[in-house]
N, C-alpha and C. Protein backbone atom coordinates (compact mmCIF):
# COMPACT_ATOMS: atom_id res chain seq x y z
N UNK A 1 0.76 -1.21 0.07
CA UNK A 1 0.13 -0.22 0.29
C UNK A 1 0.94 1.47 -0.14
N UNK A 2 0.71 2.23 -0.79
CA UNK A 2 1.70 3.57 -0.84
C UNK A 2 1.52 4.59 0.34
N UNK A 3 0.27 4.30 0.77
CA UNK A 3 -0.31 5.27 1.50
C UNK A 3 0.86 5.28 2.89
N UNK A 4 0.92 6.15 3.68
CA UNK A 4 1.56 6.24 4.56
C UNK A 4 0.69 6.21 5.91
N UNK A 5 0.25 4.77 6.53
CA UNK A 5 -0.32 4.62 7.12
C UNK A 5 -0.25 5.49 8.84
N UNK A 6 1.14 5.71 9.00
CA UNK A 6 1.40 5.69 10.31
C UNK A 6 1.07 6.89 10.92
N UNK A 7 0.78 8.10 9.45
CA UNK A 7 0.38 9.37 9.51
C UNK A 7 -1.36 9.29 10.22
N UNK A 8 -1.79 8.12 10.07
CA UNK A 8 -3.34 7.63 10.52
C UNK A 8 -3.53 7.26 12.14
N UNK A 9 -4.59 8.13 12.54
CA UNK A 9 -4.73 8.13 14.03
C UNK A 9 -5.74 7.09 14.08
N UNK A 10 -6.23 5.96 14.71
CA UNK A 10 -6.96 4.94 14.22
C UNK A 10 -7.77 4.33 15.39
N UNK A 11 -7.68 5.33 16.53
CA UNK A 11 -8.48 5.04 17.71
C UNK A 11 -10.03 4.87 17.54
N UNK A 12 -11.12 4.42 17.74
CA UNK A 12 -11.87 4.67 17.52
C UNK A 12 -12.63 3.25 16.04
N UNK A 13 -11.25 2.72 15.51
CA UNK A 13 -11.76 2.14 14.52
C UNK A 13 -12.44 0.41 14.62
N UNK A 14 -12.95 0.04 13.83
CA UNK A 14 -14.02 -1.15 14.09
C UNK A 14 -13.74 -1.89 12.70
N UNK A 15 -13.08 -3.27 12.81
CA UNK A 15 -12.86 -4.28 11.76
C UNK A 15 -13.55 -5.30 11.51
N UNK A 16 -14.23 -5.26 10.76
CA UNK A 16 -15.35 -6.76 10.43
C UNK A 16 -14.92 -7.74 9.11
N UNK A 17 -14.78 -8.82 9.21
CA UNK A 17 -14.99 -9.65 7.95
C UNK A 17 -16.07 -10.66 7.83
N UNK A 18 -16.14 -10.53 6.72
CA UNK A 18 -17.21 -11.36 6.24
C UNK A 18 -16.32 -12.79 5.09
N UNK A 19 -16.50 -13.84 5.05
CA UNK A 19 -15.37 -15.14 4.50
C UNK A 19 -16.02 -16.33 4.31
N UNK A 20 -16.11 -16.43 3.06
CA UNK A 20 -16.94 -17.68 2.22
C UNK A 20 -16.14 -18.79 2.70
N UNK A 21 -16.73 -20.29 2.66
CA UNK A 21 -16.37 -21.05 3.25
C UNK A 21 -14.94 -21.78 2.80
N UNK A 22 -14.95 -21.76 1.43
CA UNK A 22 -13.42 -21.48 0.52
C UNK A 22 -12.16 -21.65 0.89
N UNK A 23 -12.66 -19.80 1.88
CA UNK A 23 -11.31 -19.14 1.88
C UNK A 23 -11.11 -18.98 3.76
N UNK A 24 -11.96 -19.34 4.45
CA UNK A 24 -11.60 -19.15 5.72
C UNK A 24 -10.52 -19.91 5.74
N UNK A 25 -9.80 -20.96 5.70
CA UNK A 25 -8.49 -21.17 6.41
C UNK A 25 -7.55 -20.47 5.70
N UNK A 26 -7.60 -19.82 5.16
CA UNK A 26 -5.55 -18.82 4.47
C UNK A 26 -6.30 -17.60 5.44
N UNK A 27 -7.79 -17.28 5.71
CA UNK A 27 -7.94 -15.51 5.80
C UNK A 27 -7.23 -15.98 7.63
N UNK A 28 -7.63 -17.49 7.96
CA UNK A 28 -7.58 -17.46 9.85
C UNK A 28 -5.56 -17.44 9.75
N UNK A 29 -5.60 -18.15 8.80
CA UNK A 29 -3.62 -18.39 8.30
C UNK A 29 -3.38 -17.17 8.66
N UNK A 30 -3.67 -15.86 8.17
CA UNK A 30 -3.37 -14.78 7.74
C UNK A 30 -3.39 -13.97 8.38
N UNK A 31 -4.30 -13.79 9.31
CA UNK A 31 -5.19 -13.46 10.90
C UNK A 31 -4.14 -13.74 11.32
N UNK A 32 -3.90 -14.84 11.85
CA UNK A 32 -3.06 -15.54 13.00
C UNK A 32 -1.82 -14.64 12.74
N UNK A 33 -0.90 -15.16 11.25
CA UNK A 33 0.38 -14.81 12.15
C UNK A 33 0.65 -13.18 11.78
N UNK A 34 -0.11 -12.40 11.64
CA UNK A 34 -0.55 -10.87 11.63
C UNK A 34 0.07 -10.72 13.14
N UNK A 35 -1.10 -11.15 13.89
CA UNK A 35 -1.64 -10.68 15.05
C UNK A 35 -0.94 -11.96 16.26
N UNK A 36 -1.02 -13.08 15.63
CA UNK A 36 -0.64 -14.11 17.25
C UNK A 36 -1.82 -14.48 17.65
N UNK A 37 -2.99 -14.20 17.06
CA UNK A 37 -4.60 -14.12 17.74
C UNK A 37 -4.94 -15.34 16.63
N UNK A 38 -5.45 -16.83 16.95
CA UNK A 38 -6.11 -17.73 16.38
C UNK A 38 -7.40 -17.21 16.24
N UNK A 39 -8.93 -17.40 15.35
CA UNK A 39 -9.58 -16.91 15.25
C UNK A 39 -10.43 -17.46 14.63
N UNK A 40 -11.89 -17.67 14.92
CA UNK A 40 -12.92 -19.00 14.44
C UNK A 40 -14.04 -18.18 14.70
N UNK A 41 -14.87 -19.07 13.29
CA UNK A 41 -15.93 -17.94 13.17
C UNK A 41 -17.44 -17.30 14.57
N UNK A 42 -17.34 -16.69 14.28
CA UNK A 42 -18.02 -15.94 15.77
C UNK A 42 -17.27 -15.58 17.03
N UNK A 43 -15.96 -15.74 16.96
CA UNK A 43 -14.94 -15.25 17.76
C UNK A 43 -14.04 -15.03 17.09
N UNK A 44 -13.85 -13.62 17.70
CA UNK A 44 -14.72 -12.25 18.09
C UNK A 44 -16.07 -12.66 17.27
N UNK A 45 -17.33 -11.70 17.38
CA UNK A 45 -18.57 -11.30 16.76
C UNK A 45 -18.36 -10.89 15.32
N UNK A 46 -17.17 -10.20 15.12
CA UNK A 46 -17.26 -9.72 13.92
C UNK A 46 -16.33 -10.20 12.98
N UNK A 47 -15.95 -11.65 13.16
CA UNK A 47 -15.55 -12.47 12.39
C UNK A 47 -16.91 -13.41 12.03
N UNK A 48 -17.74 -13.30 10.92
CA UNK A 48 -18.77 -14.05 10.44
C UNK A 48 -18.49 -14.74 8.97
N UNK A 49 -18.70 -16.11 9.48
CA UNK A 49 -19.04 -16.52 7.81
C UNK A 49 -20.09 -16.17 6.98
N UNK A 50 -20.21 -16.33 5.44
CA UNK A 50 -21.07 -15.85 5.10
C UNK A 50 -21.43 -17.25 3.53
N UNK A 51 -21.96 -18.26 3.39
CA UNK A 51 -21.92 -19.49 2.49
C UNK A 51 -22.24 -18.41 1.09
N UNK A 52 -23.01 -17.39 0.83
CA UNK A 52 -23.10 -16.54 -0.57
C UNK A 52 -22.49 -15.99 -0.59
N UNK A 53 -21.22 -15.92 -0.34
CA UNK A 53 -19.51 -14.70 -0.48
C UNK A 53 -18.39 -16.18 -1.47
N UNK A 54 -18.14 -15.36 -2.36
CA UNK A 54 -17.30 -16.29 -2.98
C UNK A 54 -15.26 -15.44 -2.09
N UNK A 55 -15.32 -14.70 -1.19
CA UNK A 55 -14.30 -14.77 -1.23
C UNK A 55 -14.37 -14.01 0.27
N UNK A 56 -13.87 -12.69 0.87
CA UNK A 56 -13.58 -12.31 1.84
C UNK A 56 -14.13 -10.47 1.53
N UNK A 57 -15.51 -10.15 2.56
CA UNK A 57 -15.91 -9.14 2.64
C UNK A 57 -15.11 -8.22 3.69
N UNK A 58 -13.92 -7.51 3.60
CA UNK A 58 -13.28 -6.65 5.05
C UNK A 58 -13.84 -5.01 4.75
N UNK A 59 -14.08 -5.18 6.12
CA UNK A 59 -15.33 -3.56 6.12
C UNK A 59 -14.15 -3.19 7.58
N UNK A 60 -13.64 -1.75 7.03
CA UNK A 60 -13.29 -0.37 8.21
C UNK A 60 -14.92 0.09 8.59
N UNK A 61 -14.50 0.65 9.88
CA UNK A 61 -15.60 1.50 9.91
C UNK A 61 -14.92 2.52 11.00
N UNK A 62 -15.68 3.94 10.92
CA UNK A 62 -14.61 4.75 11.93
C UNK A 62 -15.25 5.79 11.94
N UNK A 63 -15.32 7.22 12.70
CA UNK A 63 -16.04 7.90 12.71
C UNK A 63 -15.54 9.37 12.50
N UNK A 64 -14.52 9.44 12.39
CA UNK A 64 -13.35 10.47 12.39
C UNK A 64 -13.29 11.37 11.40
N UNK A 65 -14.02 12.52 11.31
CA UNK A 65 -13.33 13.29 9.93
C UNK A 65 -12.06 13.18 9.54
N UNK A 66 -11.13 13.30 10.55
CA UNK A 66 -9.69 13.20 9.49
C UNK A 66 -9.33 11.73 8.99
N UNK A 67 -10.32 10.69 9.77
CA UNK A 67 -9.39 9.48 8.82
C UNK A 67 -10.14 9.66 7.16
N UNK A 68 -11.47 9.83 7.36
CA UNK A 68 -12.40 10.09 6.32
C UNK A 68 -11.79 10.94 5.42
N UNK A 69 -10.94 12.21 5.59
CA UNK A 69 -9.67 12.82 4.99
C UNK A 69 -8.40 12.21 4.44
N UNK A 70 -8.34 11.58 5.19
CA UNK A 70 -6.98 10.92 5.30
C UNK A 70 -7.68 9.30 3.72
N UNK A 71 -8.67 8.89 4.37
CA UNK A 71 -8.30 7.98 2.98
C UNK A 71 -8.78 8.57 1.95
N UNK A 72 -9.70 9.27 1.63
CA UNK A 72 -10.10 10.23 0.60
C UNK A 72 -8.83 10.74 -0.33
N UNK A 73 -8.12 11.59 0.13
CA UNK A 73 -7.11 12.30 -0.05
C UNK A 73 -6.07 11.31 -0.71
N UNK A 74 -6.28 10.18 -0.42
CA UNK A 74 -5.45 8.85 -0.84
C UNK A 74 -5.93 7.95 -1.76
N UNK A 75 -6.94 8.83 -1.99
CA UNK A 75 -7.99 8.02 -3.71
C UNK A 75 -9.16 7.11 -3.46
N UNK A 76 -9.28 7.01 -2.05
CA UNK A 76 -10.14 5.71 -1.76
C UNK A 76 -11.42 6.49 -1.29
N UNK A 77 -12.41 5.82 -1.89
CA UNK A 77 -14.14 5.18 -1.36
C UNK A 77 -14.02 5.37 -0.64
N UNK A 78 -15.07 6.28 0.28
CA UNK A 78 -15.12 6.56 1.71
C UNK A 78 -16.95 6.86 1.32
N UNK A 79 -17.27 5.63 2.40
CA UNK A 79 -18.96 5.52 2.08
C UNK A 79 -19.37 6.34 3.36
N UNK A 80 -20.31 7.45 3.51
CA UNK A 80 -20.61 8.01 4.24
C UNK A 80 -22.05 8.20 4.24
N UNK A 81 -23.02 9.03 5.39
CA UNK A 81 -24.54 9.09 5.17
C UNK A 81 -25.29 7.66 5.31
N UNK A 82 -24.73 6.91 5.71
CA UNK A 82 -24.75 5.13 5.56
C UNK A 82 -26.30 5.29 6.47
N UNK A 83 -27.39 4.25 5.91
CA UNK A 83 -28.05 3.66 6.71
C UNK A 83 -27.61 2.18 7.35
N UNK A 84 -28.72 1.16 8.09
CA UNK A 84 -28.57 -0.15 8.45
C UNK A 84 -27.47 -0.08 9.51
N UNK A 85 -26.66 -1.39 9.23
CA UNK A 85 -26.01 -2.20 10.20
C UNK A 85 -24.48 -1.07 10.50
N UNK A 86 -24.62 -0.86 11.47
CA UNK A 86 -23.36 0.13 12.04
C UNK A 86 -23.84 2.02 12.11
N UNK A 87 -24.59 1.94 10.89
CA UNK A 87 -24.85 3.17 10.64
C UNK A 87 -24.97 4.21 11.82
N UNK A 88 -25.75 3.93 13.48
CA UNK A 88 -25.87 4.54 14.45
C UNK A 88 -24.58 4.30 15.46
N UNK A 89 -23.56 3.68 15.39
CA UNK A 89 -22.32 3.64 15.60
C UNK A 89 -21.25 4.71 14.95
N UNK A 90 -21.16 4.10 13.89
CA UNK A 90 -20.00 5.04 12.89
C UNK A 90 -20.44 5.64 11.38
N UNK A 91 -19.98 6.28 11.13
CA UNK A 91 -20.44 7.60 10.15
C UNK A 91 -20.05 7.11 8.91
N UNK A 92 -18.88 6.30 9.19
CA UNK A 92 -18.21 5.83 7.81
C UNK A 92 -17.59 4.70 7.68
N UNK A 93 -17.73 3.94 6.22
CA UNK A 93 -17.34 2.89 6.31
C UNK A 93 -16.11 2.48 5.17
N UNK A 94 -15.34 1.63 5.41
CA UNK A 94 -14.06 1.55 4.15
C UNK A 94 -14.62 0.25 3.40
N UNK A 95 -14.99 -0.78 2.44
CA UNK A 95 -14.95 -1.89 2.03
C UNK A 95 -13.57 -1.59 1.00
N UNK A 96 -12.79 -2.51 1.98
CA UNK A 96 -11.57 -2.51 0.70
C UNK A 96 -10.50 -3.35 1.68
N UNK A 97 -10.31 -4.50 0.80
CA UNK A 97 -9.14 -5.31 1.66
C UNK A 97 -8.26 -5.28 1.78
N UNK A 98 -7.54 -4.74 1.09
CA UNK A 98 -6.17 -4.12 0.89
C UNK A 98 -6.04 -3.05 2.11
N UNK A 99 -6.51 -2.14 2.40
CA UNK A 99 -6.35 -1.69 3.19
C UNK A 99 -6.89 -2.07 4.45
N UNK A 100 -7.53 -2.70 4.98
CA UNK A 100 -8.00 -3.86 5.97
C UNK A 100 -6.99 -4.50 6.01
N UNK A 101 -6.76 -5.22 5.96
CA UNK A 101 -5.24 -6.15 5.86
C UNK A 101 -3.63 -5.06 6.31
N UNK A 102 -3.92 -4.12 5.74
CA UNK A 102 -3.04 -3.40 6.16
C UNK A 102 -2.91 -2.45 7.75
N UNK A 103 -3.70 -1.96 8.15
CA UNK A 103 -4.45 -1.75 9.28
C UNK A 103 -4.18 -3.23 9.98
N UNK A 104 -4.10 -4.38 9.85
CA UNK A 104 -3.89 -5.29 10.55
C UNK A 104 -2.65 -5.23 10.86
N UNK A 105 -1.67 -5.77 9.43
CA UNK A 105 -0.21 -6.17 9.19
C UNK A 105 0.69 -5.29 9.80
N UNK A 106 0.46 -4.01 9.49
CA UNK A 106 0.98 -2.31 9.56
C UNK A 106 0.57 -2.30 10.59
N UNK A 107 -0.47 -1.69 11.23
CA UNK A 107 -0.68 -1.20 12.10
C UNK A 107 -0.44 -1.42 13.85
N UNK A 108 -1.11 -3.20 13.54
CA UNK A 108 -1.78 -3.90 14.67
C UNK A 108 -3.31 -3.75 14.90
N UNK A 109 -3.60 -3.42 14.07
CA UNK A 109 -5.40 -3.26 14.26
C UNK A 109 -6.01 -4.67 14.50
N UNK A 110 -6.78 -5.03 15.01
CA UNK A 110 -7.37 -6.50 15.02
C UNK A 110 -9.00 -6.31 15.13
N UNK A 111 -9.62 -7.48 14.29
CA UNK A 111 -11.08 -7.44 14.88
C UNK A 111 -11.54 -6.83 15.83
N UNK A 112 -12.95 -6.64 15.32
CA UNK A 112 -13.85 -5.69 16.55
C UNK A 112 -13.25 -4.18 16.72
N UNK A 113 -13.33 -4.34 17.90
CA UNK A 113 -13.16 -2.76 18.43
C UNK A 113 -12.08 -2.16 18.44
N UNK A 114 -11.27 -1.10 17.70
CA UNK A 114 -9.88 -1.07 18.11
C UNK A 114 -9.56 0.42 19.13
């Protein structure tokens, strides 16, 4: 990832993963190598399985305008004015697997609240 994530204040971020059965083992292995933590479906609750998925949908939720500005200035689409899931808790969402993994592997974020 070409953006300097060290400039980003990640307090208040929430990471979620919905993963298809075919790649769960790969996801869990990569996550364990990055964090030292073993995850299983539902543990933590932010790690979910979805049988109707082909891959992984990795989402980053947050409310800080500074984080929104950071991501948009780096060319990422940030969803705002959302309704539905987690909209009462977080103002913004990014659906980007590369960013999600960078936050985990480079900055040490974890599934769930950070």
